Amino acid sequence: MKTNPMKSSSLQKNFWKQLRRFCQILGLVLFLSLFRLTDYGGTDTIPYAVNILFRIDPLVGACVTLATKSVVVLLWPCLVLVALTLVLGRFFCGWICPLGTLIDIAGR
């Protein structure tokens, strides 16, 4: 029995669309959660990484590398993001960025 190539292509596009929406919502929830967790609670220590969005920012990575004249290991996620952007195009804007998610929601 032969499968219809148009049907499998449409199923594949639907899968990627659903995966992108899931990643967008996850990114928005992560951003809002981290934003809420940065509220001052009376202590000067934070037991979790609220700066994860800064770690994936290539501009922060470039600035820190130029300022310290060394590669900071905590900023390796920005290199992953740059590589994904080179391969997939506007990867951050379409899959992770909370502002992109809000723009997509408002567009509907």
PDB file of N, CA and C in Angstrom:
ATOM      1  N   MET A   1       0.831  -1.169   0.000  1.00  0.00           N
ATOM      2  CA  MET A   1       0.000   0.000   0.000  1.00  0.00           C
ATOM      3  C   MET A   1       0.887   1.247   0.000  1.00  0.00           C
ATOM      4  N   LYS A   2       0.613   2.160  -0.900  1.00  0.00           N
ATOM      5  CA  LYS A   2       1.408   3.375  -0.998  1.00  0.00           C
ATOM      6  C   LYS A   2       0.838   4.453  -0.080  1.00  0.00           C
ATOM      7  N   THR A   3       1.757   5.258   0.466  1.00  0.00           N
ATOM      8  CA  THR A   3       1.317   6.383   1.286  1.00  0.00           C
ATOM      9  C   THR A   3       1.330   7.644   0.437  1.00  0.00           C
ATOM     10  N   ASN A   4       0.457   8.527   0.763  1.00  0.00           N
ATOM     11  CA  ASN A   4       0.349   9.785   0.043  1.00  0.00           C
ATOM     12  C   ASN A   4       1.445  10.727   0.541  1.00  0.00           C
ATOM     13  N   PRO A   5       2.391  11.153  -0.343  1.00  0.00           N
ATOM     14  CA  PRO A   5       3.473  12.032   0.116  1.00  0.00           C
ATOM     15  C   PRO A   5       2.965  13.388   0.583  1.00  0.00           C
ATOM     16  N   MET A   6       1.858  13.867   0.051  1.00  0.00           N
ATOM     17  CA  MET A   6       1.298  15.149   0.483  1.00  0.00           C
ATOM     18  C   MET A   6       0.781  15.054   1.912  1.00  0.00           C
ATOM     19  N   LYS A   7       0.203  13.909   2.249  1.00  0.00           N
ATOM     20  CA  LYS A   7      -0.334  13.720   3.596  1.00  0.00           C
ATOM     21  C   LYS A   7       0.794  13.648   4.623  1.00  0.00           C
ATOM     22  N   SER A   8       1.864  12.936   4.318  1.00  0.00           N
ATOM     23  CA  SER A   8       2.979  12.839   5.264  1.00  0.00           C
ATOM     24  C   SER A   8       3.682  14.183   5.410  1.00  0.00           C
ATOM     25  N   SER A   9       3.753  14.952   4.332  1.00  0.00           N
ATOM     26  CA  SER A   9       4.359  16.278   4.410  1.00  0.00           C
ATOM     27  C   SER A   9       3.527  17.196   5.293  1.00  0.00           C
ATOM     28  N   SER A  10       2.216  17.106   5.172  1.00  0.00           N
ATOM     29  CA  SER A  10       1.336  17.937   6.001  1.00  0.00           C
ATOM     30  C   SER A  10       1.408  17.516   7.465  1.00  0.00           C
ATOM     31  N   LEU A  11       1.536  16.226   7.725  1.00  0.00           N
ATOM     32  CA  LEU A  11       1.683  15.750   9.099  1.00  0.00           C
ATOM     33  C   LEU A  11       3.007  16.228   9.695  1.00  0.00           C
ATOM     34  N   GLN A  12       4.048  16.226   8.887  1.00  0.00           N
ATOM     35  CA  GLN A  12       5.352  16.674   9.365  1.00  0.00           C
ATOM     36  C   GLN A  12       5.324  18.170   9.663  1.00  0.00           C
ATOM     37  N   LYS A  13       4.693  18.973   8.806  1.00  0.00           N
ATOM     38  CA  LYS A  13       4.586  20.413   9.053  1.00  0.00           C
ATOM     39  C   LYS A  13       3.780  20.672  10.317  1.00  0.00           C
ATOM     40  N   ASN A  14       2.700  19.908  10.525  1.00  0.00           N
ATOM     41  CA  ASN A  14       1.876  20.067  11.717  1.00  0.00           C
ATOM     42  C   ASN A  14       2.667  19.713  12.972  1.00  0.00           C
ATOM     43  N   PHE A  15       3.499  18.683  12.905  1.00  0.00           N
ATOM     44  CA  PHE A  15       4.334  18.298  14.044  1.00  0.00           C
ATOM     45  C   PHE A  15       5.279  19.429  14.423  1.00  0.00           C
ATOM     46  N   TRP A  16       5.970  20.009  13.433  1.00  0.00           N
ATOM     47  CA  TRP A  16       6.919  21.077  13.714  1.00  0.00           C
ATOM     48  C   TRP A  16       6.214  22.329  14.236  1.00  0.00           C
ATOM     49  N   LYS A  17       5.008  22.581  13.731  1.00  0.00           N
ATOM     50  CA  LYS A  17       4.242  23.728  14.208  1.00  0.00           C
ATOM     51  C   LYS A  17       3.843  23.545  15.671  1.00  0.00           C
ATOM     52  N   GLN A  18       3.389  22.356  16.015  1.00  0.00           N
ATOM     53  CA  GLN A  18       3.016  22.071  17.401  1.00  0.00           C
ATOM     54  C   GLN A  18       4.232  22.098  18.322  1.00  0.00           C
ATOM     55  N   LEU A  19       5.357  21.578  17.849  1.00  0.00           N
ATOM     56  CA  LEU A  19       6.591  21.609  18.644  1.00  0.00           C
ATOM     57  C   LEU A  19       7.053  23.048  18.871  1.00  0.00           C
ATOM     58  N   ARG A  20       6.937  23.884  17.842  1.00  0.00           N
ATOM     59  CA  ARG A  20       7.324  25.293  17.980  1.00  0.00           C
ATOM     60  C   ARG A  20       6.419  25.997  18.986  1.00  0.00           C
ATOM     61  N   ARG A  21       5.123  25.759  18.912  1.00  0.00           N
ATOM     62  CA  ARG A  21       4.199  26.379  19.876  1.00  0.00           C
ATOM     63  C   ARG A  21       4.515  25.941  21.300  1.00  0.00           C
ATOM     64  N   PHE A  22       4.814  24.661  21.480  1.00  0.00           N
ATOM     65  CA  PHE A  22       5.169  24.161  22.811  1.00  0.00           C
ATOM     66  C   PHE A  22       6.428  24.854  23.327  1.00  0.00           C
ATOM     67  N   CYS A  23       7.446  24.977  22.469  1.00  0.00           N
ATOM     68  CA  CYS A  23       8.690  25.647  22.876  1.00  0.00           C
ATOM     69  C   CYS A  23       8.452  27.120  23.179  1.00  0.00           C
ATOM     70  N   GLN A  24       7.591  27.779  22.413  1.00  0.00           N
ATOM     71  CA  GLN A  24       7.277  29.182  22.667  1.00  0.00           C
ATOM     72  C   GLN A  24       6.595  29.353  24.019  1.00  0.00           C
ATOM     73  N   ILE A  25       5.611  28.512  24.294  1.00  0.00           N
ATOM     74  CA  ILE A  25       4.898  28.613  25.574  1.00  0.00           C
ATOM     75  C   ILE A  25       5.834  28.275  26.726  1.00  0.00           C
ATOM     76  N   LEU A  26       6.677  27.271  26.546  1.00  0.00           N
ATOM     77  CA  LEU A  26       7.652  26.921  27.572  1.00  0.00           C
ATOM     78  C   LEU A  26       8.615  28.078  27.833  1.00  0.00           C
ATOM     79  N   GLY A  27       9.083  28.740  26.780  1.00  0.00           N
ATOM     80  CA  GLY A  27       9.964  29.890  26.929  1.00  0.00           C
ATOM     81  C   GLY A  27       9.287  31.047  27.648  1.00  0.00           C
ATOM     82  N   LEU A  28       8.018  31.297  27.333  1.00  0.00           N
ATOM     83  CA  LEU A  28       7.276  32.370  27.998  1.00  0.00           C
ATOM     84  C   LEU A  28       7.062  32.057  29.472  1.00  0.00           C
ATOM     85  N   VAL A  29       6.688  30.825  29.773  1.00  0.00           N
ATOM     86  CA  VAL A  29       6.486  30.422  31.170  1.00  0.00           C
ATOM     87  C   VAL A  29       7.805  30.500  31.938  1.00  0.00           C
ATOM     88  N   LEU A  30       8.893  30.062  31.323  1.00  0.00           N
ATOM     89  CA  LEU A  30      10.205  30.150  31.968  1.00  0.00           C
ATOM     90  C   LEU A  30      10.581  31.603  32.250  1.00  0.00           C
ATOM     91  N   PHE A  31      10.368  32.481  31.273  1.00  0.00           N
ATOM     92  CA  PHE A  31      10.679  33.891  31.462  1.00  0.00           C
ATOM     93  C   PHE A  31       9.846  34.491  32.598  1.00  0.00           C
ATOM     94  N   LEU A  32       8.536  34.235  32.585  1.00  0.00           N
ATOM     95  CA  LEU A  32       7.684  34.802  33.630  1.00  0.00           C
ATOM     96  C   LEU A  32       8.021  34.222  35.004  1.00  0.00           C
ATOM     97  N   SER A  33       8.348  32.942  35.053  1.00  0.00           N
ATOM     98  CA  SER A  33       8.728  32.324  36.332  1.00  0.00           C
ATOM     99  C   SER A  33      10.019  32.922  36.872  1.00  0.00           C
ATOM    100  N   LEU A  34      11.013  33.053  36.017  1.00  0.00           N
ATOM    101  CA  LEU A  34      12.286  33.636  36.451  1.00  0.00           C
ATOM    102  C   LEU A  34      12.123  35.097  36.837  1.00  0.00           C
ATOM    103  N   PHE A  35      11.272  35.807  36.116  1.00  0.00           N
ATOM    104  CA  PHE A  35      11.002  37.203  36.458  1.00  0.00           C
ATOM    105  C   PHE A  35      10.381  37.295  37.841  1.00  0.00           C
ATOM    106  N   ARG A  36       9.452  36.413  38.129  1.00  0.00           N
ATOM    107  CA  ARG A  36       8.791  36.406  39.437  1.00  0.00           C
ATOM    108  C   ARG A  36       9.763  35.990  40.546  1.00  0.00           C
ATOM    109  N   LEU A  37      10.650  35.060  40.270  1.00  0.00           N
ATOM    110  CA  LEU A  37      11.591  34.573  41.280  1.00  0.00           C
ATOM    111  C   LEU A  37      12.682  35.583  41.623  1.00  0.00           C
ATOM    112  N   THR A  38      12.853  36.616  40.804  1.00  0.00           N
ATOM    113  CA  THR A  38      13.874  37.615  41.110  1.00  0.00           C
ATOM    114  C   THR A  38      13.400  38.620  42.153  1.00  0.00           C
ATOM    115  N   ASP A  39      12.182  38.493  42.618  1.00  0.00           N
ATOM    116  CA  ASP A  39      11.665  39.380  43.661  1.00  0.00           C
ATOM    117  C   ASP A  39      12.504  39.218  44.929  1.00  0.00           C
ATOM    118  N   TYR A  40      12.821  40.323  45.564  1.00  0.00           N
ATOM    119  CA  TYR A  40      13.660  40.273  46.763  1.00  0.00           C
ATOM    120  C   TYR A  40      12.887  39.641  47.909  1.00  0.00           C
ATOM    121  N   GLY A  41      13.428  38.571  48.466  1.00  0.00           N
ATOM    122  CA  GLY A  41      12.760  37.842  49.529  1.00  0.00           C
ATOM    123  C   GLY A  41      13.363  38.046  50.905  1.00  0.00           C
ATOM    124  N   GLY A  42      14.239  39.017  51.074  1.00  0.00           N
ATOM    125  CA  GLY A  42      14.827  39.278  52.374  1.00  0.00           C
ATOM    126  C   GLY A  42      16.217  38.706  52.564  1.00  0.00           C
ATOM    127  N   THR A  43      16.657  37.856  51.643  1.00  0.00           N
ATOM    128  CA  THR A  43      18.014  37.320  51.729  1.00  0.00           C
ATOM    129  C   THR A  43      18.799  37.741  50.497  1.00  0.00           C
ATOM    130  N   ASP A  44      20.106  37.723  50.627  1.00  0.00           N
ATOM    131  CA  ASP A  44      20.948  38.143  49.515  1.00  0.00           C
ATOM    132  C   ASP A  44      21.454  36.985  48.667  1.00  0.00           C
ATOM    133  N   THR A  45      20.967  35.787  48.901  1.00  0.00           N
ATOM    134  CA  THR A  45      21.382  34.639  48.100  1.00  0.00           C
ATOM    135  C   THR A  45      20.197  34.126  47.297  1.00  0.00           C
ATOM    136  N   ILE A  46      20.491  33.692  46.102  1.00  0.00           N
ATOM    137  CA  ILE A  46      19.473  33.113  45.226  1.00  0.00           C
ATOM    138  C   ILE A  46      19.934  31.693  44.906  1.00  0.00           C
ATOM    139  N   PRO A  47      19.182  30.679  45.312  1.00  0.00           N
ATOM    140  CA  PRO A  47      19.638  29.298  45.143  1.00  0.00           C
ATOM    141  C   PRO A  47      19.412  28.722  43.739  1.00  0.00           C
ATOM    142  N   TYR A  48      18.994  29.512  42.778  1.00  0.00           N
ATOM    143  CA  TYR A  48      18.719  29.007  41.438  1.00  0.00           C
ATOM    144  C   TYR A  48      19.251  30.012  40.419  1.00  0.00           C
ATOM    145  N   ALA A  49      19.351  29.570  39.196  1.00  0.00           N
ATOM    146  CA  ALA A  49      19.942  30.405  38.141  1.00  0.00           C
ATOM    147  C   ALA A  49      18.867  31.265  37.486  1.00  0.00           C
ATOM    148  N   VAL A  50      18.632  32.455  38.019  1.00  0.00           N
ATOM    149  CA  VAL A  50      17.647  33.353  37.410  1.00  0.00           C
ATOM    150  C   VAL A  50      18.233  34.062  36.194  1.00  0.00           C
ATOM    151  N   ASN A  51      19.516  33.921  35.969  1.00  0.00           N
ATOM    152  CA  ASN A  51      20.155  34.595  34.849  1.00  0.00           C
ATOM    153  C   ASN A  51      20.309  33.700  33.620  1.00  0.00           C
ATOM    154  N   ILE A  52      19.504  32.664  33.496  1.00  0.00           N
ATOM    155  CA  ILE A  52      19.638  31.732  32.374  1.00  0.00           C
ATOM    156  C   ILE A  52      19.387  32.429  31.040  1.00  0.00           C
ATOM    157  N   LEU A  53      18.487  33.413  31.002  1.00  0.00           N
ATOM    158  CA  LEU A  53      18.244  34.115  29.740  1.00  0.00           C
ATOM    159  C   LEU A  53      19.435  34.985  29.350  1.00  0.00           C
ATOM    160  N   PHE A  54      20.197  35.458  30.333  1.00  0.00           N
ATOM    161  CA  PHE A  54      21.419  36.195  30.008  1.00  0.00           C
ATOM    162  C   PHE A  54      22.507  35.252  29.508  1.00  0.00           C
ATOM    163  N   ARG A  55      22.485  34.025  29.959  1.00  0.00           N
ATOM    164  CA  ARG A  55      23.506  33.064  29.529  1.00  0.00           C
ATOM    165  C   ARG A  55      23.336  32.664  28.072  1.00  0.00           C
ATOM    166  N   ILE A  56      22.122  32.757  27.536  1.00  0.00           N
ATOM    167  CA  ILE A  56      21.926  32.380  26.137  1.00  0.00           C
ATOM    168  C   ILE A  56      21.977  33.589  25.206  1.00  0.00           C
ATOM    169  N   ASP A  57      22.265  34.761  25.742  1.00  0.00           N
ATOM    170  CA  ASP A  57      22.334  35.977  24.933  1.00  0.00           C
ATOM    171  C   ASP A  57      23.725  36.118  24.315  1.00  0.00           C
ATOM    172  N   PRO A  58      23.833  36.049  22.987  1.00  0.00           N
ATOM    173  CA  PRO A  58      25.149  36.155  22.351  1.00  0.00           C
ATOM    174  C   PRO A  58      25.820  37.506  22.589  1.00  0.00           C
ATOM    175  N   LEU A  59      25.049  38.581  22.713  1.00  0.00           N
ATOM    176  CA  LEU A  59      25.642  39.896  22.960  1.00  0.00           C
ATOM    177  C   LEU A  59      26.311  39.941  24.330  1.00  0.00           C
ATOM    178  N   VAL A  60      25.659  39.363  25.336  1.00  0.00           N
ATOM    179  CA  VAL A  60      26.270  39.299  26.668  1.00  0.00           C
ATOM    180  C   VAL A  60      27.537  38.450  26.614  1.00  0.00           C
ATOM    181  N   GLY A  61      27.469  37.330  25.908  1.00  0.00           N
ATOM    182  CA  GLY A  61      28.645  36.472  25.785  1.00  0.00           C
ATOM    183  C   GLY A  61      29.808  37.188  25.127  1.00  0.00           C
ATOM    184  N   ALA A  62      29.517  37.941  24.057  1.00  0.00           N
ATOM    185  CA  ALA A  62      30.577  38.678  23.373  1.00  0.00           C
ATOM    186  C   ALA A  62      31.148  39.776  24.268  1.00  0.00           C
ATOM    187  N   CYS A  63      30.282  40.498  24.971  1.00  0.00           N
ATOM    188  CA  CYS A  63      30.751  41.585  25.849  1.00  0.00           C
ATOM    189  C   CYS A  63      31.619  41.058  26.988  1.00  0.00           C
ATOM    190  N   VAL A  64      31.184  39.962  27.606  1.00  0.00           N
ATOM    191  CA  VAL A  64      31.951  39.398  28.718  1.00  0.00           C
ATOM    192  C   VAL A  64      33.283  38.850  28.215  1.00  0.00           C
ATOM    193  N   THR A  65      33.266  38.208  27.062  1.00  0.00           N
ATOM    194  CA  THR A  65      34.512  37.670  26.504  1.00  0.00           C
ATOM    195  C   THR A  65      35.497  38.788  26.176  1.00  0.00           C
ATOM    196  N   LEU A  66      35.005  39.875  25.588  1.00  0.00           N
ATOM    197  CA  LEU A  66      35.884  41.001  25.275  1.00  0.00           C
ATOM    198  C   LEU A  66      36.373  41.713  26.529  1.00  0.00           C
ATOM    199  N   ALA A  67      35.500  41.835  27.525  1.00  0.00           N
ATOM    200  CA  ALA A  67      35.885  42.555  28.744  1.00  0.00           C
ATOM    201  C   ALA A  67      36.895  41.769  29.573  1.00  0.00           C
ATOM    202  N   THR A  68      36.701  40.455  29.677  1.00  0.00           N
ATOM    203  CA  THR A  68      37.599  39.650  30.504  1.00  0.00           C
ATOM    204  C   THR A  68      38.769  39.072  29.714  1.00  0.00           C
ATOM    205  N   LYS A  69      38.708  39.162  28.400  1.00  0.00           N
ATOM    206  CA  LYS A  69      39.719  38.590  27.500  1.00  0.00           C
ATOM    207  C   LYS A  69      39.906  37.097  27.736  1.00  0.00           C
ATOM    208  N   SER A  70      38.789  36.446  28.082  1.00  0.00           N
ATOM    209  CA  SER A  70      38.787  34.992  28.251  1.00  0.00           C
ATOM    210  C   SER A  70      37.365  34.490  27.999  1.00  0.00           C
ATOM    211  N   VAL A  71      37.250  33.197  27.789  1.00  0.00           N
ATOM    212  CA  VAL A  71      35.939  32.595  27.562  1.00  0.00           C
ATOM    213  C   VAL A  71      35.378  32.149  28.904  1.00  0.00           C
ATOM    214  N   VAL A  72      34.189  32.610  29.228  1.00  0.00           N
ATOM    215  CA  VAL A  72      33.537  32.234  30.479  1.00  0.00           C
ATOM    216  C   VAL A  72      32.700  30.989  30.212  1.00  0.00           C
ATOM    217  N   VAL A  73      32.943  29.937  30.977  1.00  0.00           N
ATOM    218  CA  VAL A  73      32.306  28.647  30.743  1.00  0.00           C
ATOM    219  C   VAL A  73      30.790  28.715  30.929  1.00  0.00           C
ATOM    220  N   LEU A  74      30.300  29.553  31.826  1.00  0.00           N
ATOM    221  CA  LEU A  74      28.859  29.647  32.060  1.00  0.00           C
ATOM    222  C   LEU A  74      28.099  30.207  30.867  1.00  0.00           C
ATOM    223  N   LEU A  75      28.809  30.811  29.936  1.00  0.00           N
ATOM    224  CA  LEU A  75      28.148  31.402  28.778  1.00  0.00           C
ATOM    225  C   LEU A  75      28.163  30.500  27.545  1.00  0.00           C
ATOM    226  N   TRP A  76      28.469  29.209  27.685  1.00  0.00           N
ATOM    227  CA  TRP A  76      28.486  28.306  26.540  1.00  0.00           C
ATOM    228  C   TRP A  76      27.123  28.164  25.877  1.00  0.00           C
ATOM    229  N   PRO A  77      25.982  28.326  26.602  1.00  0.00           N
ATOM    230  CA  PRO A  77      24.701  28.230  25.889  1.00  0.00           C
ATOM    231  C   PRO A  77      24.525  29.270  24.786  1.00  0.00           C
ATOM    232  N   CYS A  78      25.174  30.425  24.898  1.00  0.00           N
ATOM    233  CA  CYS A  78      25.041  31.425  23.830  1.00  0.00           C
ATOM    234  C   CYS A  78      25.704  30.934  22.545  1.00  0.00           C
ATOM    235  N   LEU A  79      26.743  30.126  22.670  1.00  0.00           N
ATOM    236  CA  LEU A  79      27.378  29.565  21.473  1.00  0.00           C
ATOM    237  C   LEU A  79      26.454  28.557  20.793  1.00  0.00           C
ATOM    238  N   VAL A  80      25.715  27.804  21.593  1.00  0.00           N
ATOM    239  CA  VAL A  80      24.736  26.868  21.041  1.00  0.00           C
ATOM    240  C   VAL A  80      23.651  27.638  20.294  1.00  0.00           C
ATOM    241  N   LEU A  81      23.198  28.737  20.875  1.00  0.00           N
ATOM    242  CA  LEU A  81      22.169  29.552  20.246  1.00  0.00           C
ATOM    243  C   LEU A  81      22.666  30.160  18.936  1.00  0.00           C
ATOM    244  N   VAL A  82      23.907  30.622  18.914  1.00  0.00           N
ATOM    245  CA  VAL A  82      24.476  31.170  17.680  1.00  0.00           C
ATOM    246  C   VAL A  82      24.556  30.084  16.611  1.00  0.00           C
ATOM    247  N   ALA A  83      24.985  28.888  16.985  1.00  0.00           N
ATOM    248  CA  ALA A  83      25.071  27.785  16.022  1.00  0.00           C
ATOM    249  C   ALA A  83      23.693  27.425  15.474  1.00  0.00           C
ATOM    250  N   LEU A  84      22.694  27.344  16.348  1.00  0.00           N
ATOM    251  CA  LEU A  84      21.337  27.043  15.887  1.00  0.00           C
ATOM    252  C   LEU A  84      20.790  28.146  14.983  1.00  0.00           C
ATOM    253  N   THR A  85      21.125  29.379  15.289  1.00  0.00           N
ATOM    254  CA  THR A  85      20.677  30.489  14.457  1.00  0.00           C
ATOM    255  C   THR A  85      21.339  30.448  13.084  1.00  0.00           C
ATOM    256  N   LEU A  86      22.607  30.093  13.033  1.00  0.00           N
ATOM    257  CA  LEU A  86      23.285  29.984  11.740  1.00  0.00           C
ATOM    258  C   LEU A  86      22.678  28.878  10.877  1.00  0.00           C
ATOM    259  N   VAL A  87      22.239  27.796  11.516  1.00  0.00           N
ATOM    260  CA  VAL A  87      21.672  26.666  10.782  1.00  0.00           C
ATOM    261  C   VAL A  87      20.193  26.890  10.447  1.00  0.00           C
ATOM    262  N   LEU A  88      19.415  27.392  11.425  1.00  0.00           N
ATOM    263  CA  LEU A  88      17.964  27.460  11.272  1.00  0.00           C
ATOM    264  C   LEU A  88      17.391  28.856  11.002  1.00  0.00           C
ATOM    265  N   GLY A  89      18.217  29.858  10.955  1.00  0.00           N
ATOM    266  CA  GLY A  89      17.702  31.212  10.723  1.00  0.00           C
ATOM    267  C   GLY A  89      17.283  31.874  12.022  1.00  0.00           C
ATOM    268  N   ARG A  90      16.121  32.499  12.033  1.00  0.00           N
ATOM    269  CA  ARG A  90      15.651  33.248  13.201  1.00  0.00           C
ATOM    270  C   ARG A  90      15.147  32.291  14.289  1.00  0.00           C
ATOM    271  N   PHE A  91      16.010  31.461  14.767  1.00  0.00           N
ATOM    272  CA  PHE A  91      15.654  30.428  15.746  1.00  0.00           C
ATOM    273  C   PHE A  91      15.188  31.025  17.067  1.00  0.00           C
ATOM    274  N   PHE A  92      15.941  31.973  17.616  1.00  0.00           N
ATOM    275  CA  PHE A  92      15.595  32.539  18.915  1.00  0.00           C
ATOM    276  C   PHE A  92      14.262  33.267  18.853  1.00  0.00           C
ATOM    277  N   CYS A  93      14.072  34.085  17.834  1.00  0.00           N
ATOM    278  CA  CYS A  93      12.835  34.869  17.719  1.00  0.00           C
ATOM    279  C   CYS A  93      11.610  33.980  17.552  1.00  0.00           C
ATOM    280  N   GLY A  94      11.743  32.922  16.806  1.00  0.00           N
ATOM    281  CA  GLY A  94      10.591  32.079  16.503  1.00  0.00           C
ATOM    282  C   GLY A  94      10.327  30.963  17.493  1.00  0.00           C
ATOM    283  N   TRP A  95      11.327  30.560  18.265  1.00  0.00           N
ATOM    284  CA  TRP A  95      11.152  29.397  19.122  1.00  0.00           C
ATOM    285  C   TRP A  95      11.275  29.706  20.608  1.00  0.00           C
ATOM    286  N   ILE A  96      12.062  30.696  21.012  1.00  0.00           N
ATOM    287  CA  ILE A  96      12.363  30.888  22.432  1.00  0.00           C
ATOM    288  C   ILE A  96      11.901  32.240  22.972  1.00  0.00           C
ATOM    289  N   CYS A  97      12.076  33.295  22.212  1.00  0.00           N
ATOM    290  CA  CYS A  97      11.873  34.661  22.689  1.00  0.00           C
ATOM    291  C   CYS A  97      10.463  34.890  23.247  1.00  0.00           C
ATOM    292  N   PRO A  98      10.356  35.356  24.502  1.00  0.00           N
ATOM    293  CA  PRO A  98       9.031  35.625  25.074  1.00  0.00           C
ATOM    294  C   PRO A  98       8.290  36.731  24.329  1.00  0.00           C
ATOM    295  N   LEU A  99       8.995  37.717  23.825  1.00  0.00           N
ATOM    296  CA  LEU A  99       8.337  38.797  23.084  1.00  0.00           C
ATOM    297  C   LEU A  99       7.778  38.273  21.759  1.00  0.00           C
ATOM    298  N   GLY A 100       8.507  37.404  21.090  1.00  0.00           N
ATOM    299  CA  GLY A 100       8.000  36.791  19.863  1.00  0.00           C
ATOM    300  C   GLY A 100       6.742  35.980  20.131  1.00  0.00           C
ATOM    301  N   THR A 101       6.705  35.282  21.264  1.00  0.00           N
ATOM    302  CA  THR A 101       5.514  34.515  21.631  1.00  0.00           C
ATOM    303  C   THR A 101       4.328  35.442  21.868  1.00  0.00           C
ATOM    304  N   LEU A 102       4.545  36.538  22.576  1.00  0.00           N
ATOM    305  CA  LEU A 102       3.457  37.480  22.816  1.00  0.00           C
ATOM    306  C   LEU A 102       2.979  38.130  21.523  1.00  0.00           C
ATOM    307  N   ILE A 103       3.878  38.402  20.603  1.00  0.00           N
ATOM    308  CA  ILE A 103       3.480  38.963  19.308  1.00  0.00           C
ATOM    309  C   ILE A 103       2.648  37.949  18.533  1.00  0.00           C
ATOM    310  N   ASP A 104       3.037  36.676  18.553  1.00  0.00           N
ATOM    311  CA  ASP A 104       2.247  35.648  17.876  1.00  0.00           C
ATOM    312  C   ASP A 104       0.858  35.519  18.501  1.00  0.00           C
ATOM    313  N   ILE A 105       0.777  35.588  19.813  1.00  0.00           N
ATOM    314  CA  ILE A 105      -0.520  35.491  20.493  1.00  0.00           C
ATOM    315  C   ILE A 105      -1.392  36.701  20.151  1.00  0.00           C
ATOM    316  N   ALA A 106      -0.797  37.894  20.152  1.00  0.00           N
ATOM    317  CA  ALA A 106      -1.555  39.116  19.837  1.00  0.00           C
ATOM    318  C   ALA A 106      -1.990  39.143  18.380  1.00  0.00           C
ATOM    319  N   GLY A 107      -1.233  38.516  17.508  1.00  0.00           N
ATOM    320  CA  GLY A 107      -1.579  38.486  16.094  1.00  0.00           C
ATOM    321  C   GLY A 107      -2.831  37.690  15.796  1.00  0.00           C
ATOM    322  N   ARG A 108      -3.205  36.828  16.689  1.00  0.00           N
ATOM    323  CA  ARG A 108      -4.416  36.021  16.491  1.00  0.00           C
ATOM    324  C   ARG A 108      -5.593  36.810  16.945  1.00  0.00           C
TER     325      ARG A 108
END
